[in-house]
Amino acid sequence: MANDEWVSLSKIWAELGIPADYAARRGFSPQPEATQLIRIGMTAEGRELLLTPPAAQAWEQMQLAAATDTIALHVVSAFRSIARQAEIIRAKLGRGKTIDAILAVNAAPGYSEHHTGRALDLTTPGCTPLTEEFAETAAFRWLTGQAARFGFHMSFARENSHGMAFEPWHWCWAETNTTIKS
């Protein structure tokens, strides 16, 4: 990130009450915002779902493979700007949540994999989105066995090193995985 971007990010962190040592304590690296994004769909609320072109291609192939195995995967969230990440945290603060509780489930602005345009939050029919319930579904079992073939990995397993809550729904495409493994 450029120096002026860090200054802006520092102001956002101060406003939200994010500790200055957050990234170091959690072992997070800055996540740059993607600049080239393509639309992969819309949320039920009418928000565009965006990914980088290679992540979108891998997602499309993974979703088709899952469907072939009678597994329905749906995207709840994809690309999120730094500004949108700050909005989410502001809204949770407005509902009375503490910054520590929020940072257990949402990365601080500037550190979310969603900024990269390579992360997806997924659900499946009959499952409440963004809940641990997803870990009990056939879709999660399919992802656990098959997602790596398409370059996706679950970022926040139980007891992860970042101190984040278990997020069985959060899957990120690794840029180094550019081919689909059969």
C-alpha atoms as a PDB file:
ATOM      1  CA  MET A   1       0.000   0.000   0.000  1.00  0.00           C
ATOM      2  CA  ALA A   2       1.132   3.522  -0.704  1.00  0.00           C
ATOM      3  CA  ASN A   3       1.912   5.829   2.212  1.00  0.00           C
ATOM      4  CA  ASP A   4      -1.272   7.904   1.711  1.00  0.00           C
ATOM      5  CA  GLU A   5      -3.351   4.701   1.771  1.00  0.00           C
ATOM      6  CA  TRP A   6      -1.775   3.760   5.115  1.00  0.00           C
ATOM      7  CA  VAL A   7      -2.540   7.202   6.527  1.00  0.00           C
ATOM      8  CA  SER A   8      -6.174   6.818   5.470  1.00  0.00           C
ATOM      9  CA  LEU A   9      -6.297   3.302   6.889  1.00  0.00           C
ATOM     10  CA  SER A  10      -4.785   4.501  10.175  1.00  0.00           C
ATOM     11  CA  LYS A  11      -7.570   7.085  10.452  1.00  0.00           C
ATOM     12  CA  ILE A  12     -10.224   4.420   9.850  1.00  0.00           C
ATOM     13  CA  TRP A  13      -8.640   2.165  12.483  1.00  0.00           C
ATOM     14  CA  ALA A  14      -8.520   5.012  15.007  1.00  0.00           C
ATOM     15  CA  GLU A  15     -12.166   5.843  14.335  1.00  0.00           C
ATOM     16  CA  LEU A  16     -13.208   2.201  14.789  1.00  0.00           C
ATOM     17  CA  GLY A  17     -11.014   1.595  17.856  1.00  0.00           C
ATOM     18  CA  ILE A  18      -8.836  -1.057  16.222  1.00  0.00           C
ATOM     19  CA  PRO A  19      -5.599  -1.492  18.198  1.00  0.00           C
ATOM     20  CA  ALA A  20      -2.480  -0.329  16.337  1.00  0.00           C
ATOM     21  CA  ASP A  21      -0.789  -3.701  16.955  1.00  0.00           C
ATOM     22  CA  TYR A  22      -3.759  -5.697  15.581  1.00  0.00           C
ATOM     23  CA  ALA A  23      -2.006  -7.051  12.451  1.00  0.00           C
ATOM     24  CA  ALA A  24       1.182  -7.989  14.278  1.00  0.00           C
ATOM     25  CA  ARG A  25      -0.716  -9.697  17.107  1.00  0.00           C
ATOM     26  CA  ARG A  26      -2.932 -11.637  14.703  1.00  0.00           C
ATOM     27  CA  GLY A  27      -0.254 -12.459  12.141  1.00  0.00           C
ATOM     28  CA  PHE A  28      -2.136 -10.783   9.306  1.00  0.00           C
ATOM     29  CA  SER A  29      -0.568  -9.334   6.172  1.00  0.00           C
ATOM     30  CA  PRO A  30      -2.051  -6.383   4.286  1.00  0.00           C
ATOM     31  CA  GLN A  31      -4.518  -7.457   1.609  1.00  0.00           C
ATOM     32  CA  PRO A  32      -4.538  -5.092  -1.380  1.00  0.00           C
ATOM     33  CA  GLU A  33      -7.816  -4.211  -3.039  1.00  0.00           C
ATOM     34  CA  ALA A  34      -8.334  -5.890  -6.384  1.00  0.00           C
ATOM     35  CA  THR A  35      -8.498  -3.515  -9.328  1.00  0.00           C
ATOM     36  CA  GLN A  36      -9.773  -5.888 -12.008  1.00  0.00           C
ATOM     37  CA  LEU A  37     -13.050  -7.510 -11.046  1.00  0.00           C
ATOM     38  CA  ILE A  38     -15.850  -9.248 -12.918  1.00  0.00           C
ATOM     39  CA  ARG A  39     -19.426  -9.891 -11.876  1.00  0.00           C
ATOM     40  CA  ILE A  40     -20.280 -13.432 -10.843  1.00  0.00           C
ATOM     41  CA  GLY A  41     -23.843 -12.720  -9.698  1.00  0.00           C
ATOM     42  CA  MET A  42     -25.964 -10.735  -7.279  1.00  0.00           C
ATOM     43  CA  THR A  43     -26.906 -11.189  -3.631  1.00  0.00           C
ATOM     44  CA  ALA A  44     -30.540 -11.538  -2.619  1.00  0.00           C
ATOM     45  CA  GLU A  45     -30.292  -7.890  -1.485  1.00  0.00           C
ATOM     46  CA  GLY A  46     -29.168  -6.766  -4.945  1.00  0.00           C
ATOM     47  CA  ARG A  47     -25.460  -6.260  -4.223  1.00  0.00           C
ATOM     48  CA  GLU A  48     -23.070  -7.247  -7.014  1.00  0.00           C
ATOM     49  CA  LEU A  49     -20.801 -10.199  -6.346  1.00  0.00           C
ATOM     50  CA  LEU A  50     -17.345  -9.605  -7.812  1.00  0.00           C
ATOM     51  CA  LEU A  51     -14.129 -11.634  -8.136  1.00  0.00           C
ATOM     52  CA  THR A  52     -10.883 -11.268 -10.024  1.00  0.00           C
ATOM     53  CA  PRO A  53     -11.104 -12.945 -13.451  1.00  0.00           C
ATOM     54  CA  PRO A  54      -8.927 -15.976 -12.539  1.00  0.00           C
ATOM     55  CA  ALA A  55     -10.747 -16.525  -9.230  1.00  0.00           C
ATOM     56  CA  ALA A  56     -14.088 -16.177 -11.040  1.00  0.00           C
ATOM     57  CA  GLN A  57     -13.037 -18.800 -13.581  1.00  0.00           C
ATOM     58  CA  ALA A  58     -11.939 -21.194 -10.825  1.00  0.00           C
ATOM     59  CA  TRP A  59     -15.193 -20.531  -8.919  1.00  0.00           C
ATOM     60  CA  GLU A  60     -17.295 -21.247 -12.014  1.00  0.00           C
ATOM     61  CA  GLN A  61     -15.476 -24.536 -12.600  1.00  0.00           C
ATOM     62  CA  MET A  62     -15.761 -25.512  -8.939  1.00  0.00           C
ATOM     63  CA  GLN A  63     -19.465 -24.663  -8.798  1.00  0.00           C
ATOM     64  CA  LEU A  64     -20.123 -26.723 -11.949  1.00  0.00           C
ATOM     65  CA  ALA A  65     -18.173 -29.688 -10.555  1.00  0.00           C
ATOM     66  CA  ALA A  66     -20.138 -29.475  -7.309  1.00  0.00           C
ATOM     67  CA  ALA A  67     -23.425 -29.359  -9.235  1.00  0.00           C
ATOM     68  CA  THR A  68     -22.349 -32.466 -11.160  1.00  0.00           C
ATOM     69  CA  ASP A  69     -22.041 -34.138  -7.755  1.00  0.00           C
ATOM     70  CA  THR A  70     -25.505 -32.757  -6.799  1.00  0.00           C
ATOM     71  CA  ILE A  71     -24.004 -30.166  -4.448  1.00  0.00           C
ATOM     72  CA  ALA A  72     -25.460 -26.660  -4.634  1.00  0.00           C
ATOM     73  CA  LEU A  73     -23.056 -23.866  -3.690  1.00  0.00           C
ATOM     74  CA  HIS A  74     -24.209 -20.252  -3.474  1.00  0.00           C
ATOM     75  CA  VAL A  75     -22.154 -17.118  -2.875  1.00  0.00           C
ATOM     76  CA  VAL A  76     -23.144 -14.918   0.053  1.00  0.00           C
ATOM     77  CA  SER A  77     -20.221 -12.487  -0.250  1.00  0.00           C
ATOM     78  CA  ALA A  78     -17.199 -11.980  -2.497  1.00  0.00           C
ATOM     79  CA  PHE A  79     -15.083  -8.845  -3.101  1.00  0.00           C
ATOM     80  CA  ARG A  80     -15.339  -6.253  -0.353  1.00  0.00           C
ATOM     81  CA  SER A  81     -13.578  -2.897  -0.485  1.00  0.00           C
ATOM     82  CA  ILE A  82     -11.748  -1.474   2.499  1.00  0.00           C
ATOM     83  CA  ALA A  83     -14.543   1.094   2.789  1.00  0.00           C
ATOM     84  CA  ARG A  84     -17.198  -1.653   2.818  1.00  0.00           C
ATOM     85  CA  GLN A  85     -15.269  -3.579   5.488  1.00  0.00           C
ATOM     86  CA  ALA A  86     -15.256  -0.412   7.617  1.00  0.00           C
ATOM     87  CA  GLU A  87     -19.046  -0.013   7.053  1.00  0.00           C
ATOM     88  CA  ILE A  88     -19.651  -3.562   8.285  1.00  0.00           C
ATOM     89  CA  ILE A  89     -17.627  -2.910  11.432  1.00  0.00           C
ATOM     90  CA  ARG A  90     -19.352   0.462  12.017  1.00  0.00           C
ATOM     91  CA  ALA A  91     -22.757  -1.233  11.749  1.00  0.00           C
ATOM     92  CA  LYS A  92     -21.781  -3.889  14.295  1.00  0.00           C
ATOM     93  CA  LEU A  93     -20.406  -1.233  16.652  1.00  0.00           C
ATOM     94  CA  GLY A  94     -23.715   0.609  16.230  1.00  0.00           C
ATOM     95  CA  ARG A  95     -25.532  -2.539  17.346  1.00  0.00           C
ATOM     96  CA  GLY A  96     -23.503  -2.535  20.568  1.00  0.00           C
ATOM     97  CA  LYS A  97     -20.848  -5.142  19.740  1.00  0.00           C
ATOM     98  CA  THR A  98     -17.339  -4.572  21.055  1.00  0.00           C
ATOM     99  CA  ILE A  99     -14.428  -4.141  18.671  1.00  0.00           C
ATOM    100  CA  ASP A 100     -12.784  -7.280  20.123  1.00  0.00           C
ATOM    101  CA  ALA A 101     -15.905  -9.361  19.427  1.00  0.00           C
ATOM    102  CA  ILE A 102     -16.139  -7.945  15.896  1.00  0.00           C
ATOM    103  CA  LEU A 103     -12.467  -8.601  15.130  1.00  0.00           C
ATOM    104  CA  ALA A 104     -12.968 -12.254  16.089  1.00  0.00           C
ATOM    105  CA  VAL A 105     -15.203 -12.657  13.020  1.00  0.00           C
ATOM    106  CA  ASN A 106     -14.258  -9.777  10.707  1.00  0.00           C
ATOM    107  CA  ALA A 107     -10.746  -8.834   9.686  1.00  0.00           C
ATOM    108  CA  ALA A 108      -9.838  -5.191  10.118  1.00  0.00           C
ATOM    109  CA  PRO A 109     -10.075  -2.971   7.033  1.00  0.00           C
ATOM    110  CA  GLY A 110      -6.951  -3.500   4.944  1.00  0.00           C
ATOM    111  CA  TYR A 111      -6.519  -7.103   6.114  1.00  0.00           C
ATOM    112  CA  SER A 112      -9.563  -8.954   4.780  1.00  0.00           C
ATOM    113  CA  GLU A 113      -9.054 -11.572   2.082  1.00  0.00           C
ATOM    114  CA  HIS A 114     -12.263 -10.220   0.576  1.00  0.00           C
ATOM    115  CA  HIS A 115     -10.306  -7.111  -0.532  1.00  0.00           C
ATOM    116  CA  THR A 116      -8.295  -9.262  -2.936  1.00  0.00           C
ATOM    117  CA  GLY A 117     -11.294 -10.355  -4.982  1.00  0.00           C
ATOM    118  CA  ARG A 118     -10.318 -13.986  -4.355  1.00  0.00           C
ATOM    119  CA  ALA A 119     -12.421 -14.826  -1.264  1.00  0.00           C
ATOM    120  CA  LEU A 120     -15.930 -16.227  -1.155  1.00  0.00           C
ATOM    121  CA  ASP A 121     -18.401 -16.749   1.638  1.00  0.00           C
ATOM    122  CA  LEU A 122     -20.521 -19.731   0.613  1.00  0.00           C
ATOM    123  CA  THR A 123     -23.773 -21.345   1.643  1.00  0.00           C
ATOM    124  CA  THR A 124     -26.055 -24.108   0.452  1.00  0.00           C
ATOM    125  CA  PRO A 125     -29.867 -24.491   0.434  1.00  0.00           C
ATOM    126  CA  GLY A 126     -31.316 -25.210   3.859  1.00  0.00           C
ATOM    127  CA  CYS A 127     -28.360 -23.700   5.715  1.00  0.00           C
ATOM    128  CA  THR A 128     -28.383 -20.390   7.541  1.00  0.00           C
ATOM    129  CA  PRO A 129     -25.658 -18.334   5.814  1.00  0.00           C
ATOM    130  CA  LEU A 130     -22.504 -17.406   7.711  1.00  0.00           C
ATOM    131  CA  THR A 131     -23.015 -19.887  10.532  1.00  0.00           C
ATOM    132  CA  GLU A 132     -21.037 -22.893  11.747  1.00  0.00           C
ATOM    133  CA  GLU A 133     -24.060 -24.941  10.651  1.00  0.00           C
ATOM    134  CA  PHE A 134     -22.404 -24.935   7.209  1.00  0.00           C
ATOM    135  CA  ALA A 135     -19.745 -27.340   8.564  1.00  0.00           C
ATOM    136  CA  GLU A 136     -22.459 -29.995   8.964  1.00  0.00           C
ATOM    137  CA  THR A 137     -23.577 -29.885   5.309  1.00  0.00           C
ATOM    138  CA  ALA A 138     -22.801 -32.086   2.326  1.00  0.00           C
ATOM    139  CA  ALA A 139     -21.571 -28.914   0.613  1.00  0.00           C
ATOM    140  CA  PHE A 140     -18.880 -28.399   3.265  1.00  0.00           C
ATOM    141  CA  ARG A 141     -17.836 -32.048   3.075  1.00  0.00           C
ATOM    142  CA  TRP A 142     -17.592 -31.715  -0.715  1.00  0.00           C
ATOM    143  CA  LEU A 143     -15.509 -28.531  -0.435  1.00  0.00           C
ATOM    144  CA  THR A 144     -13.204 -30.134   2.118  1.00  0.00           C
ATOM    145  CA  GLY A 145     -12.461 -32.945  -0.316  1.00  0.00           C
ATOM    146  CA  GLN A 146     -12.583 -31.087  -3.631  1.00  0.00           C
ATOM    147  CA  ALA A 147     -11.944 -27.332  -3.303  1.00  0.00           C
ATOM    148  CA  ALA A 148      -8.145 -27.648  -3.444  1.00  0.00           C
ATOM    149  CA  ARG A 149      -8.437 -29.094  -6.977  1.00  0.00           C
ATOM    150  CA  PHE A 150      -9.755 -25.670  -8.002  1.00  0.00           C
ATOM    151  CA  GLY A 151      -7.235 -23.652  -5.983  1.00  0.00           C
ATOM    152  CA  PHE A 152      -9.553 -22.834  -3.041  1.00  0.00           C
ATOM    153  CA  HIS A 153      -8.777 -23.337   0.644  1.00  0.00           C
ATOM    154  CA  MET A 154     -10.702 -22.694   3.842  1.00  0.00           C
ATOM    155  CA  SER A 155      -8.942 -19.786   5.512  1.00  0.00           C
ATOM    156  CA  PHE A 156     -10.184 -20.020   9.085  1.00  0.00           C
ATOM    157  CA  ALA A 157     -10.267 -23.544  10.470  1.00  0.00           C
ATOM    158  CA  ARG A 158     -10.978 -24.222  14.131  1.00  0.00           C
ATOM    159  CA  GLU A 159      -8.208 -22.936  16.413  1.00  0.00           C
ATOM    160  CA  ASN A 160      -6.534 -21.028  13.553  1.00  0.00           C
ATOM    161  CA  SER A 161      -3.340 -19.076  14.166  1.00  0.00           C
ATOM    162  CA  HIS A 162      -5.033 -15.709  13.542  1.00  0.00           C
ATOM    163  CA  GLY A 163      -7.440 -16.082  16.445  1.00  0.00           C
ATOM    164  CA  MET A 164     -10.415 -15.779  14.108  1.00  0.00           C
ATOM    165  CA  ALA A 165     -13.663 -17.635  14.683  1.00  0.00           C
ATOM    166  CA  PHE A 166     -14.142 -20.897  12.778  1.00  0.00           C
ATOM    167  CA  GLU A 167     -15.541 -19.916   9.371  1.00  0.00           C
ATOM    168  CA  PRO A 168     -16.400 -23.052   7.395  1.00  0.00           C
ATOM    169  CA  TRP A 169     -18.107 -20.852   4.789  1.00  0.00           C
ATOM    170  CA  HIS A 170     -15.021 -18.708   3.946  1.00  0.00           C
ATOM    171  CA  TRP A 171     -12.948 -20.050   1.037  1.00  0.00           C
ATOM    172  CA  CYS A 172     -10.128 -18.221  -0.736  1.00  0.00           C
ATOM    173  CA  TRP A 173      -8.576 -18.872  -4.122  1.00  0.00           C
ATOM    174  CA  ALA A 174      -4.772 -18.932  -4.067  1.00  0.00           C
ATOM    175  CA  GLU A 175      -3.303 -16.994  -6.950  1.00  0.00           C
ATOM    176  CA  THR A 176      -0.505 -19.515  -7.393  1.00  0.00           C
ATOM    177  CA  ASN A 177      -3.029 -22.201  -8.297  1.00  0.00           C
ATOM    178  CA  THR A 178      -3.758 -21.274 -11.892  1.00  0.00           C
ATOM    179  CA  THR A 179      -4.775 -24.642 -13.284  1.00  0.00           C
ATOM    180  CA  ILE A 180      -7.581 -26.959 -12.336  1.00  0.00           C
ATOM    181  CA  LYS A 181      -6.339 -30.340 -11.180  1.00  0.00           C
ATOM    182  CA  SER A 182      -8.398 -33.262 -12.469  1.00  0.00           C
END
